[in-house]
């Protein structure tokens, strides 16, 4: 035995950098994510949101307030934030915890520009998350009937749109994932 400390691997595997580390690094370089360019303040805000979410919350009430504050900051910027890599990641991560009015706001914003957003590299993830969330909430027996109907209507609208344009989106890299979710 020449080397008693031999562990079986000749080379140590280099650890991959986390998404958050890469986001910080690109922010320092002045590159604010892939997709739609966000201003520096918004980009850094989303990076801080990811850090805070990763640290966790003491209780559900803190988490609820945190989510509402984040979505309040994205008001009237739903589509542009969703078309950015970091913004998309944050929105997709927090969407399941959002209240019904926030989900409806995103449904309205995305419902107007469905075709280009279904083919967008990052916004397609938000549409998929909205579709799953609206479907789940439309089946919630505890919710108000009007709210359930709105979510059901959005789910049917997206489903019909994708099925009517199946030929276009079946071969689209990003639209295809939404079709699979339907």
Foldseek 3Di string as FASTA:
>chain_A
DVDPPDPPDPDDDDDDDDPLVVQVVCLVVVQQAPFQDDDSVVSVVLSVLVVVVVVPDPDLVVLLVSLVVVLVVCVVVLVRLQRGDSSLVSCLVSVLSHDLVSLVSNLVVCVVPVVVLQLRPGSLSVVLSSLVNLVVQLPDPPDDPVSSVSSVVSNVSVQVVCVVVVVVQCPRPRNVVSNVSD
